[in-house]
Structures are given as C-alpha cells and as structure tokens.
Amino acid sequence: MNKKSLNIEYVEYDSINGLDNELLNLVHAADDNLKNAYAPYSKFKVSAVCKMANGELVKGTNQENGAYPSGLCAERVAIFAAKSQFPDQKVDKIVVTTEKSTDLPVSPCGACRQVLIEYEITQNQPIELTMKSGDSKIWQFKSVSDILPFAFNGEFLKEKG
C-alpha cells in the first residue's frame, strides 16, 4: 500500500481591494452581467466571464427552465459561447460571480467542472479560475484541474494498442 496526498493551492482575497487591475475588471464585468441571468425559480443569479487569449471577453449567465434539468449554468453558457465565437483561441481565465453573498465563494457544479477541464486539457494550457459570491471572499485557482484533480477525459476512451 502506498499512502498519497493531494495539496491544492489557491489565493484567497478578503475583498476586491487586493485584486490586480486585470482581475478587478473581469470581476466587475461578471458582476455587471448578473442582471442578464434568467433565474426566476431559484432566484440565484450566476455570471461567468471568459477572457480569451486575444483579449476578448465572452460572458454567460445561468439560464433556468421550469423543467429544471433543462437549464444551463453560467460557466457552461460562457465557455460554450467563447469556443463557438473564437474556436481557435485559448481561454486564459474564467471568472464566476454570484449575486448572493455566502460564507465561501460558490464553486462550479460537477458538470461545469467537467466541461471546463475538457477545454483546459484540449487547449493544453491551464485556465485560471476565480470565484466570488457577493461580498464574500474571492478564491483564485491557477488551473481548473485544482478543483477537479482526477478528471475523466477523452484519453480514457481511446483504444490501446
């Protein structure tokens, strides 16, 4: 038996005051975009902004549906739009914000984590992830793999031999 451990490093900010200008602008863009969320059932608005390698920003918000599983989270809306509009560009960063303040930043759901890691793997470059909920602390990760370290990916589906 081999005992192993996993250490995840991230930066925690107490407020937006410690952010550099680029990240502050991305957080403001995500916060400003919260008004576009369609969350009539949960009333839980989420926004995501992807910063592409060419500097373009692509925004998304959660889009609910009365048939609950039919809606989409902000992270997937944003990254799907980003890769549809700029298929040859890498995603450098994604910032996710919520309107509601919570004790800790709200993190992407499992489906969003899986979609984000797929793009990170296929572009062969980390996607920096920042999460902020209302006026709560802000968490910044260097890579999506930090929040999904043992991700399933297309390599598992390839034939051996």
Protein backbone atom coordinates (compact mmCIF):
# COMPACT_ATOMS: atom_id res chain seq x y z
CA MET A 1 0.00 0.00 0.00
CA ASN A 2 1.20 3.49 -0.83
CA LYS A 3 -0.34 6.37 1.03
CA LYS A 4 -0.54 9.52 -1.07
CA SER A 5 -1.87 13.01 -0.54
CA LEU A 6 -3.01 15.90 -2.66
CA ASN A 7 -2.39 19.54 -1.84
CA ILE A 8 -4.39 22.26 -3.59
CA GLU A 9 -3.03 25.77 -3.56
CA TYR A 10 -5.15 28.84 -4.21
CA VAL A 11 -5.16 32.50 -3.34
CA GLU A 12 -7.85 33.89 -1.07
CA TYR A 13 -8.71 37.59 -1.13
CA ASP A 14 -10.82 39.16 1.61
CA SER A 15 -12.28 41.68 -0.85
CA ILE A 16 -11.83 43.09 -4.34
CA ASN A 17 -9.35 45.60 -2.92
CA GLY A 18 -6.45 43.15 -3.26
CA LEU A 19 -7.07 42.28 -6.92
CA ASP A 20 -4.82 43.46 -9.73
CA ASN A 21 -6.45 45.72 -12.34
CA GLU A 22 -7.00 42.96 -14.90
CA LEU A 23 -8.74 40.65 -12.45
CA LEU A 24 -10.70 43.53 -10.93
CA ASN A 25 -12.01 44.45 -14.40
CA LEU A 26 -13.02 40.84 -15.04
CA VAL A 27 -14.82 40.62 -11.69
CA HIS A 28 -16.64 43.88 -12.42
CA ALA A 29 -17.62 42.59 -15.88
CA ALA A 30 -19.01 39.40 -14.33
CA ASP A 31 -20.84 41.31 -11.59
CA ASP A 32 -22.33 43.72 -14.14
CA ASN A 33 -23.50 40.75 -16.20
CA LEU A 34 -25.52 39.26 -13.32
CA LYS A 35 -28.52 41.32 -14.45
CA ASN A 36 -28.75 39.09 -17.54
CA ALA A 37 -29.22 35.88 -15.57
CA TYR A 38 -32.54 34.13 -16.02
CA ALA A 39 -33.22 32.60 -12.60
CA PRO A 40 -36.96 33.00 -11.93
CA TYR A 41 -37.17 29.76 -9.92
CA SER A 42 -34.08 29.68 -7.72
CA LYS A 43 -33.52 33.47 -7.66
CA PHE A 44 -29.82 32.52 -7.59
CA LYS A 45 -28.10 34.56 -10.28
CA VAL A 46 -24.69 33.48 -11.56
CA SER A 47 -22.43 35.12 -14.13
CA ALA A 48 -19.24 33.91 -15.81
CA VAL A 49 -16.77 35.77 -18.00
CA CYS A 50 -14.14 34.07 -20.13
CA LYS A 51 -11.04 36.05 -21.09
CA MET A 52 -9.71 34.72 -24.35
CA ALA A 53 -6.05 34.73 -25.42
CA ASN A 54 -6.85 37.51 -27.91
CA GLY A 55 -8.20 39.69 -25.07
CA GLU A 56 -11.87 39.27 -25.98
CA LEU A 57 -14.35 38.79 -23.14
CA VAL A 58 -17.22 36.35 -23.54
CA LYS A 59 -19.98 36.45 -20.95
CA GLY A 60 -22.61 33.98 -19.85
CA THR A 61 -25.25 33.70 -17.15
CA ASN A 62 -27.29 30.86 -15.74
CA GLN A 63 -30.43 30.17 -17.73
CA GLU A 64 -33.08 28.27 -15.80
CA ASN A 65 -36.04 26.36 -17.16
CA GLY A 66 -39.19 25.15 -15.45
CA ALA A 67 -38.07 21.62 -16.32
CA TYR A 68 -35.04 22.01 -14.03
CA PRO A 69 -32.50 19.80 -15.77
CA SER A 70 -33.08 21.72 -19.00
CA GLY A 71 -31.34 24.90 -17.85
CA LEU A 72 -27.65 25.69 -18.09
CA CYS A 73 -25.14 27.09 -15.64
CA ALA A 74 -23.30 30.34 -16.34
CA GLU A 75 -19.93 28.63 -16.67
CA ARG A 76 -21.10 26.36 -19.47
CA VAL A 77 -23.02 29.14 -21.23
CA ALA A 78 -19.88 31.32 -21.19
CA ILE A 79 -17.33 28.73 -22.29
CA PHE A 80 -19.59 27.22 -24.96
CA ALA A 81 -20.16 30.71 -26.37
CA ALA A 82 -16.45 31.52 -26.11
CA LYS A 83 -15.36 28.44 -28.02
CA SER A 84 -18.16 28.90 -30.57
CA GLN A 85 -17.19 32.52 -31.26
CA PHE A 86 -13.42 32.03 -31.02
CA PRO A 87 -12.73 28.35 -31.79
CA ASP A 88 -9.02 28.92 -32.44
CA GLN A 89 -8.43 30.99 -29.30
CA LYS A 90 -7.44 29.61 -25.92
CA VAL A 91 -9.38 30.51 -22.79
CA ASP A 92 -6.92 32.19 -20.43
CA LYS A 93 -9.24 32.90 -17.49
CA ILE A 94 -12.78 32.43 -16.28
CA VAL A 95 -14.34 34.47 -13.51
CA VAL A 96 -17.55 33.26 -11.86
CA THR A 97 -19.63 35.51 -9.63
CA THR A 98 -22.93 35.26 -7.81
CA GLU A 99 -25.23 37.98 -6.58
CA LYS A 100 -25.83 36.34 -3.21
CA SER A 101 -23.17 36.62 -0.52
CA THR A 102 -22.25 33.32 1.09
CA ASP A 103 -19.64 32.33 3.66
CA LEU A 104 -17.44 30.93 0.90
CA PRO A 105 -17.39 31.55 -2.85
CA VAL A 106 -19.78 29.31 -4.77
CA SER A 107 -17.83 26.91 -6.95
CA PRO A 108 -18.81 25.32 -10.27
CA CYS A 109 -21.02 22.24 -10.18
CA GLY A 110 -19.68 18.87 -11.29
CA ALA A 111 -20.97 19.20 -14.86
CA CYS A 112 -19.34 22.62 -15.22
CA ARG A 113 -16.07 21.34 -13.78
CA GLN A 114 -16.07 18.52 -16.32
CA VAL A 115 -16.73 20.88 -19.24
CA LEU A 116 -14.08 23.36 -18.08
CA ILE A 117 -11.44 20.66 -17.63
CA GLU A 118 -12.17 19.28 -21.11
CA TYR A 119 -11.30 22.65 -22.65
CA GLU A 120 -8.27 23.04 -20.41
CA ILE A 121 -6.96 19.64 -21.49
CA THR A 122 -7.66 20.12 -25.21
CA GLN A 123 -6.02 23.54 -25.29
CA ASN A 124 -3.01 22.18 -23.37
CA GLN A 125 -2.94 25.27 -21.17
CA PRO A 126 -4.38 25.94 -17.72
CA ILE A 127 -7.48 28.07 -17.39
CA GLU A 128 -7.20 30.34 -14.37
CA LEU A 129 -10.42 30.20 -12.32
CA THR A 130 -11.65 32.92 -9.97
CA MET A 131 -14.81 32.62 -7.87
CA LYS A 132 -16.67 35.36 -5.99
CA SER A 133 -20.05 35.35 -4.23
CA GLY A 134 -21.47 38.78 -3.47
CA ASP A 135 -19.24 40.42 -0.88
CA SER A 136 -17.64 37.18 0.33
CA LYS A 137 -14.05 36.14 -0.05
CA ILE A 138 -12.59 35.61 -3.51
CA TRP A 139 -10.78 32.41 -4.45
CA GLN A 140 -8.34 32.24 -7.34
CA PHE A 141 -7.02 28.95 -8.74
CA LYS A 142 -4.20 28.67 -11.28
CA SER A 143 -5.97 25.83 -13.07
CA VAL A 144 -9.39 24.20 -13.32
CA SER A 145 -7.60 20.93 -12.51
CA ASP A 146 -7.15 22.30 -8.98
CA ILE A 147 -10.89 21.81 -8.38
CA LEU A 148 -11.14 18.55 -10.37
CA PRO A 149 -7.79 16.83 -9.85
CA PHE A 150 -8.78 13.33 -11.01
CA ALA A 151 -10.82 14.34 -14.03
CA PHE A 152 -12.29 11.98 -16.56
CA ASN A 153 -11.22 12.91 -20.10
CA GLY A 154 -11.14 11.63 -23.66
CA GLU A 155 -7.87 9.78 -23.11
CA PHE A 156 -9.82 7.11 -21.19
CA LEU A 157 -11.93 6.44 -24.30
CA LYS A 158 -9.04 5.78 -26.69
CA GLU A 159 -8.24 2.27 -27.84
CA LYS A 160 -4.98 0.85 -26.54
CA GLY A 161 -2.55 -0.76 -28.89
